[in-house]
Protein backbone atom coordinates (compact mmCIF):
# COMPACT_ATOMS: atom_id res chain seq x y z
CA MET A 1 16.75 -31.81 34.40
CA SER A 2 13.01 -32.22 33.81
CA GLU A 3 11.42 -33.92 30.79
CA ILE A 4 8.72 -31.71 29.29
CA THR A 5 6.01 -33.57 27.37
CA TYR A 6 3.45 -32.47 24.80
CA ARG A 7 0.11 -31.28 26.09
CA ARG A 8 -2.93 -31.18 23.85
CA LYS A 9 -2.60 -27.59 22.55
CA SER A 10 1.15 -27.81 21.93
CA ALA A 11 0.65 -31.12 20.10
CA LEU A 12 -2.09 -29.51 18.02
CA ARG A 13 0.19 -26.64 16.94
CA GLU A 14 2.92 -29.01 15.77
CA VAL A 15 0.64 -31.43 13.93
CA ALA A 16 -1.43 -28.63 12.38
CA LYS A 17 1.73 -27.07 10.88
CA VAL A 18 2.70 -30.35 9.25
CA PHE A 19 -0.77 -30.82 7.74
CA GLY A 20 -1.06 -27.20 6.65
CA LEU A 21 -4.23 -26.39 8.59
CA SER A 22 -5.21 -22.73 8.48
CA ARG A 23 -5.10 -20.55 11.57
CA ASP A 24 -8.91 -20.41 11.59
CA VAL A 25 -9.15 -24.20 11.76
CA GLN A 26 -6.46 -24.35 14.44
CA SER A 27 -8.33 -21.77 16.53
CA ALA A 28 -11.61 -23.64 16.12
CA LEU A 29 -10.00 -26.90 17.24
CA ALA A 30 -8.19 -25.32 20.16
CA GLY A 31 -11.21 -23.36 21.39
CA GLU A 32 -13.97 -25.90 20.97
CA VAL A 33 -12.32 -29.30 21.23
CA TRP A 34 -8.89 -29.22 22.76
CA GLY A 35 -9.66 -27.54 26.06
CA ARG A 36 -10.69 -31.00 27.33
CA GLU A 37 -8.08 -33.45 28.50
CA LYS A 38 -10.00 -36.49 27.30
CA THR A 39 -8.83 -38.28 24.17
CA GLY A 40 -10.82 -39.56 21.28
CA PHE A 41 -12.83 -38.15 18.40
CA ASP A 42 -15.67 -35.88 19.48
CA THR A 43 -17.81 -35.54 16.34
CA GLN A 44 -20.40 -33.23 17.89
CA ALA A 45 -17.72 -30.82 19.10
CA LEU A 46 -16.15 -30.67 15.64
CA VAL A 47 -19.52 -29.96 14.02
CA ALA A 48 -20.29 -27.31 16.64
CA ALA A 49 -16.99 -25.64 15.73
CA GLY A 50 -18.07 -25.45 12.10
CA LEU A 51 -15.71 -28.19 10.93
CA ASP A 52 -16.32 -31.14 8.65
CA ALA A 53 -16.11 -34.17 10.95
CA THR A 54 -15.88 -36.51 7.95
CA ASP A 55 -12.75 -34.85 6.53
CA ARG A 56 -10.03 -37.50 6.35
CA ARG A 57 -7.19 -35.07 7.01
CA LEU A 58 -8.95 -33.63 10.06
CA ARG A 59 -9.60 -37.10 11.48
CA LEU A 60 -5.93 -37.98 10.97
CA VAL A 61 -4.85 -34.79 12.78
CA VAL A 62 -7.08 -35.73 15.73
CA ARG A 63 -5.59 -39.21 15.93
CA LEU A 64 -1.98 -38.02 15.70
CA VAL A 65 -2.53 -35.34 18.35
CA ASP A 66 -3.84 -38.02 20.72
CA GLU A 67 -0.74 -40.12 20.04
CA LEU A 68 1.65 -37.18 20.49
CA CYS A 69 0.21 -36.11 23.86
CA ARG A 70 2.59 -36.90 26.74
CA PHE A 71 5.36 -37.69 24.25
CA PRO A 72 8.71 -36.05 25.26
CA ARG A 73 9.06 -32.55 23.82
CA HIS A 74 12.28 -31.17 25.36
CA LEU A 75 14.43 -31.13 28.48
CA SER A 76 14.15 -28.23 30.91
CA GLN A 77 15.87 -27.08 34.05
CA HIS A 78 14.43 -28.60 37.20
CA VAL A 79 11.21 -26.80 38.09
CA GLY A 80 10.62 -28.07 41.63
CA GLY A 81 12.20 -27.83 45.06
CA PHE A 82 12.29 -25.32 47.87
CA VAL A 83 14.62 -22.65 49.22
CA ILE A 84 15.40 -21.99 52.90
CA THR A 85 16.58 -18.47 53.71
CA ARG A 86 17.26 -16.51 56.86
CA GLY A 87 15.35 -13.48 55.60
CA ARG A 88 12.70 -12.76 52.98
CA LEU A 89 13.29 -14.51 49.66
CA ASP A 90 12.20 -11.45 47.64
CA HIS A 91 15.07 -9.53 49.31
CA LEU A 92 17.49 -12.13 47.97
CA CYS A 93 16.43 -12.58 44.34
CA PRO A 94 13.66 -11.64 41.86
CA ILE A 95 10.43 -13.68 42.04
CA SER A 96 8.17 -13.96 39.01
CA PRO A 97 4.82 -15.73 38.51
CA ALA A 98 5.01 -18.99 36.56
CA ALA A 99 2.56 -20.09 33.87
CA MET A 100 1.01 -22.63 36.23
CA PRO A 101 -1.29 -21.07 38.90
CA GLY A 102 0.20 -21.04 42.37
CA ARG A 103 3.77 -21.48 41.11
CA THR A 104 6.63 -18.98 40.98
CA VAL A 105 10.03 -18.75 39.33
CA ILE A 106 13.08 -17.48 41.20
CA GLU A 107 16.04 -16.09 39.28
CA TRP A 108 19.58 -16.39 40.65
CA ASP A 109 22.57 -14.37 39.60
CA LYS A 110 24.57 -16.35 37.05
CA ASP A 111 28.20 -16.14 35.95
CA ASP A 112 29.81 -17.20 32.66
CA LEU A 113 26.57 -18.05 30.89
CA GLU A 114 26.69 -19.38 27.31
CA PHE A 115 23.50 -19.34 25.22
CA ASP A 116 24.27 -20.52 21.70
CA ASN A 117 22.58 -22.04 18.62
CA ASN A 118 19.00 -22.02 19.90
CA VAL A 119 15.82 -21.70 17.82
CA LEU A 120 12.98 -20.08 19.78
CA SER A 121 9.51 -19.57 18.31
CA SER A 122 5.81 -20.49 18.70
CA PHE A 123 5.53 -18.86 22.13
CA ARG A 124 2.31 -19.46 24.04
CA SER A 125 2.11 -15.76 24.85
CA SER A 126 2.80 -12.82 22.54
CA SER A 127 4.32 -11.03 25.58
CA ALA A 128 7.00 -13.70 26.01
CA TYR A 129 10.76 -13.19 26.09
CA GLY A 130 12.88 -15.08 23.59
CA ALA A 131 15.79 -14.99 26.02
CA ARG A 132 15.95 -12.99 29.26
CA PHE A 133 19.33 -12.42 30.91
CA TYR A 134 18.74 -10.85 34.32
CA TYR A 135 21.48 -9.80 36.76
CA ASP A 136 24.01 -12.06 35.00
CA ASN A 137 27.75 -11.68 34.51
CA ASN A 138 29.78 -12.53 31.41
CA VAL A 139 26.94 -13.62 29.12
CA SER A 140 27.74 -15.01 25.67
CA ALA A 141 24.81 -15.43 23.22
CA HIS A 142 25.76 -16.53 19.69
CA GLU A 143 23.88 -17.75 16.60
CA ASN A 144 20.38 -17.81 18.09
CA HIS A 145 17.19 -17.44 16.05
CA VAL A 146 14.21 -15.90 17.88
CA SER A 147 10.85 -15.13 16.26
CA GLY A 148 7.72 -13.99 18.09
CA GLY A 149 7.18 -12.66 21.60
CA ASN A 150 7.76 -9.14 22.81
CA TYR A 151 11.55 -9.28 23.14
CA GLY A 152 14.16 -11.18 21.17
CA MET A 153 16.92 -10.80 23.75
CA TYR A 154 16.16 -8.92 26.96
CA THR A 155 19.30 -8.05 28.91
CA TYR A 156 19.15 -6.33 32.30
CA ARG A 157 22.01 -5.31 34.60
CA LEU A 158 24.62 -7.51 32.97
CA GLY A 159 27.99 -7.14 34.66
CA GLY A 160 31.39 -8.76 34.79
CA THR A 161 34.16 -8.01 32.35
CA HIS A 162 32.72 -9.27 29.08
CA ASN A 163 29.19 -9.76 27.72
CA GLU A 164 28.39 -10.29 24.05
CA LEU A 165 25.46 -10.79 21.69
CA VAL A 166 26.80 -12.03 18.35
CA ASN A 167 25.30 -13.38 15.10
CA ASN A 168 21.71 -13.54 16.31
CA MET A 169 18.60 -13.20 14.10
CA LEU A 170 15.84 -11.65 16.20
CA ASP A 171 12.25 -10.79 15.28
CA ALA A 172 10.15 -9.42 18.15
CA GLY A 173 7.01 -7.40 18.77
CA VAL A 174 8.58 -4.71 20.96
CA SER A 175 12.36 -4.88 20.65
CA GLY A 176 14.76 -7.31 19.03
CA ILE A 177 17.54 -6.35 21.48
CA TYR A 178 16.77 -4.72 24.83
CA ASN A 179 19.99 -3.32 26.33
CA TYR A 180 18.91 -2.11 29.78
CA PHE A 181 21.18 -0.88 32.60
CA ASN A 182 24.03 -3.09 31.38
CA ASP A 183 27.75 -2.54 31.78
CA SER A 184 30.32 -3.71 29.24
CA ILE A 185 28.46 -5.46 26.42
CA ASN A 186 29.56 -6.09 22.84
CA ILE A 187 26.71 -6.27 20.31
CA TYR A 188 28.17 -7.49 17.01
CA HIS A 189 26.72 -8.80 13.75
CA ASN A 190 23.08 -9.16 14.80
CA THR A 191 20.01 -8.73 12.63
CA SER A 192 17.36 -7.38 14.96
CA THR A 193 13.80 -6.28 14.19
CA GLY A 194 10.78 -5.13 16.16
CA SER A 195 8.94 -1.95 17.01
CA TYR A 196 12.47 -0.97 18.10
CA GLY A 197 15.40 -2.66 16.36
CA ILE A 198 17.42 -1.99 19.51
CA TYR A 199 16.32 -0.32 22.74
CA SER A 200 19.31 0.83 24.78
CA TYR A 201 18.62 2.60 28.08
CA TYR A 202 21.01 3.63 30.87
CA SER A 203 23.65 1.20 29.67
CA SER A 204 27.37 1.94 29.72
CA ASN A 205 30.37 0.73 27.71
CA SER A 206 28.25 -0.80 24.95
CA ASP A 207 30.13 -1.50 21.71
CA VAL A 208 27.47 -1.81 18.98
CA ARG A 209 28.93 -2.56 15.55
CA ASN A 210 28.10 -4.47 12.36
CA ASN A 211 24.37 -4.85 13.13
CA ILE A 212 21.20 -4.45 11.09
CA PHE A 213 18.47 -2.72 13.12
CA VAL A 214 14.98 -2.54 11.62
CA GLY A 215 12.07 -0.92 13.48
CA THR A 216 8.47 -0.07 12.79
CA THR A 217 8.68 2.80 15.32
CA TYR A 218 12.42 3.44 15.67
CA ALA A 219 15.35 1.51 14.26
CA VAL A 220 17.27 2.58 17.37
CA TYR A 221 16.33 4.05 20.76
CA GLU A 222 19.40 5.07 22.76
CA ARG A 223 19.17 7.24 25.89
CA TYR A 224 21.03 8.08 29.09
CA GLY A 225 23.96 5.77 28.43
CA THR A 226 27.64 6.57 28.98
CA ASP A 227 30.68 5.59 26.91
CA ASN A 228 28.61 3.75 24.30
CA HIS A 229 29.81 3.38 20.72
CA PHE A 230 27.59 2.82 17.67
CA ASP A 231 29.18 2.41 14.24
CA TYR A 232 29.14 0.27 11.08
CA ASN A 233 25.43 -0.46 11.51
CA VAL A 234 22.53 -0.41 9.06
CA TYR A 235 19.41 1.38 10.34
CA TYR A 236 16.01 1.14 8.72
CA SER A 237 12.75 2.48 10.15
CA THR A 238 9.32 2.24 8.57
CA GLY A 239 7.98 4.71 11.14
CA THR A 240 7.97 8.49 11.14
CA TYR A 241 11.46 8.77 12.60
CA MET A 242 14.64 6.74 12.23
CA GLY A 243 15.42 6.81 15.93
CA TYR A 244 15.43 8.54 19.29
CA THR A 245 18.39 9.73 21.36
CA THR A 246 18.00 13.00 23.22
CA THR A 247 15.17 13.76 20.82
CA THR A 248 13.55 12.19 17.79
CA ILE A 249 15.93 11.92 14.85
CA ASP A 250 14.71 11.97 11.28
CA SER A 251 17.74 10.38 9.67
CA LEU A 252 21.19 8.96 10.23
CA GLY A 253 22.64 12.25 9.04
CA GLU A 254 20.84 14.10 11.85
CA TRP A 255 22.22 11.66 14.44
CA GLN A 256 25.72 12.15 13.03
CA SER A 257 25.32 15.92 13.32
CA LEU A 258 24.16 15.58 16.94
CA ASP A 259 27.16 13.38 17.81
CA SER A 260 30.04 13.37 15.33
CA THR A 261 31.77 10.49 17.16
CA MET A 262 28.90 8.10 16.43
CA ASN A 263 28.08 6.17 13.23
CA VAL A 264 30.81 7.57 11.02
CA ASN A 265 30.60 4.42 8.90
CA SER A 266 26.95 3.45 9.46
CA LYS A 267 24.29 3.37 6.74
CA GLU A 268 20.57 4.00 6.51
CA GLY A 269 18.17 2.15 4.25
CA ASP A 270 16.36 -1.09 3.57
CA PRO A 271 18.78 -4.03 3.84
CA ILE A 272 16.36 -6.14 1.71
CA PHE A 273 15.79 -9.53 3.30
CA VAL A 274 14.90 -12.74 1.46
CA SER A 275 11.39 -12.52 2.95
CA VAL A 276 9.50 -11.18 5.97
CA ASN A 277 10.43 -14.36 7.86
CA ASP A 278 13.90 -14.98 6.45
CA PHE A 279 16.51 -12.37 7.46
CA HIS A 280 19.22 -13.52 5.10
CA VAL A 281 20.14 -10.56 2.94
CA VAL A 282 19.92 -10.08 -0.82
CA GLY A 283 20.41 -6.30 -1.00
CA THR A 284 23.72 -4.50 -1.50
CA LEU A 285 23.59 -1.97 1.37
CA ALA A 286 25.13 -4.24 4.04
CA ASN A 287 27.51 -6.05 1.71
CA ASP A 288 31.24 -5.50 2.37
CA ALA A 289 30.36 -2.63 4.71
CA GLY A 290 31.35 -3.94 8.15
CA ASP A 291 34.32 -3.57 10.47
CA ASN A 292 36.75 -6.51 10.41
CA SER A 293 38.33 -5.49 13.71
CA VAL A 294 35.45 -6.89 15.81
CA GLY A 295 37.04 -10.27 15.13
CA ILE A 296 33.97 -12.37 14.30
CA THR A 297 35.13 -14.97 11.73
CA VAL A 298 31.88 -16.90 11.04
CA ASP A 299 28.25 -15.86 10.51
CA PHE A 300 24.86 -17.07 11.76
CA ASP A 301 25.04 -20.13 9.48
CA GLY A 302 28.68 -20.93 10.25
CA ASP A 303 29.90 -19.48 6.95
CA THR A 304 33.30 -17.81 6.90
CA ARG A 305 33.61 -14.06 7.43
CA PRO A 306 34.47 -12.43 5.10
CA THR A 307 33.47 -14.60 2.15
CA PRO A 308 36.30 -16.03 0.02
CA ILE A 309 35.75 -13.44 -2.70
CA SER A 310 35.75 -10.47 -0.32
CA SER A 311 38.18 -8.82 2.08
CA THR A 312 35.58 -6.99 4.21
CA VAL A 313 32.86 -8.50 6.40
CA ASP A 314 29.18 -7.80 5.83
CA ILE A 315 26.90 -6.03 8.31
CA GLY A 316 24.30 -8.20 10.04
CA ALA A 317 24.06 -11.85 11.06
CA ASP A 318 24.33 -13.13 7.47
CA GLU A 319 27.57 -13.12 5.46
CA PHE A 320 26.68 -13.13 1.77
CA ASP A 321 27.81 -12.35 -1.75
CA VAL A 322 25.79 -10.13 -4.03
CA VAL A 323 24.74 -11.94 -7.20
CA ASN A 324 25.36 -9.73 -10.20
CA TYR A 325 23.34 -10.45 -13.32
CA ASP A 326 25.96 -10.53 -16.06
CA ALA A 327 23.69 -11.63 -18.91
CA ALA A 328 21.15 -9.42 -20.64
CA ILE A 329 19.26 -9.06 -23.90
CA THR A 330 21.00 -6.39 -25.96
CA THR A 331 19.10 -6.68 -29.23
CA ILE A 332 16.28 -8.64 -30.86
CA THR A 333 16.53 -9.39 -34.57
CA SER A 334 13.53 -10.43 -36.62
CA PRO A 335 13.90 -13.80 -38.40
């Protein structure tokens, strides 16, 4: 394992969040001051960036960032070494450019991979992947929270006998879940948002149940797959169309008419989240509307499925009870 330490810009992001600095101030600091590796308080650079160099909070941020630099941030897989092969390395495995100039990343086939309970956000690039599973077998990804980047979970050519994405909350720019050329994958109880809630292309034997898919272009894009099953999902699109299969589809009802075996128990509409950044549910559409037979007995937070006062699981990553307002003003009498 390698120990990853804070560099100046990553330290700035963390400290700035704690002190509540605006994005404009963060950008000014990062662009005018923090490109240098030297430490210390550069008053002229702060003034040139349009900042008040005498501000006590700003001076404290500067000092704390200096102290945080080179402090351990997280552990990572080993990023060095070399590979000796008989033939060309790019004929053996995919090679991708790394963030550092002159470095590359090689990706090996992996078996029996578990990816659980991770929080992924604040990516350096908006085109980043939250999690990318590439030529893997028997992947299990449970209870992960991904926000930012282009893809929440990007899956490509997954094989083996059992792959599953379960209880994940995913917020991405392009697609929350990208199901691409996979074989045998279960996608259960996820809440997935993006331009596409889910993008499924040339995948086979996908079992997609009890999910909330929200898209600004399409809630669902599903093409060229074989033996895939979609049901007990909530679809919500803020774009012109709800989804795309063999053609654009205006509504869930149109998809059901195109394929009567799909989405018999699915729903269309706004699930109503707590906020734009919190995908716990407060609306009634997904409540008690799922399929118990998928066998998932806890939710994203570890709460029991179904809840003690219900016999049917909810759709999405969050298991919840609807709060009914049982008190109301019925009459007002003058004193």
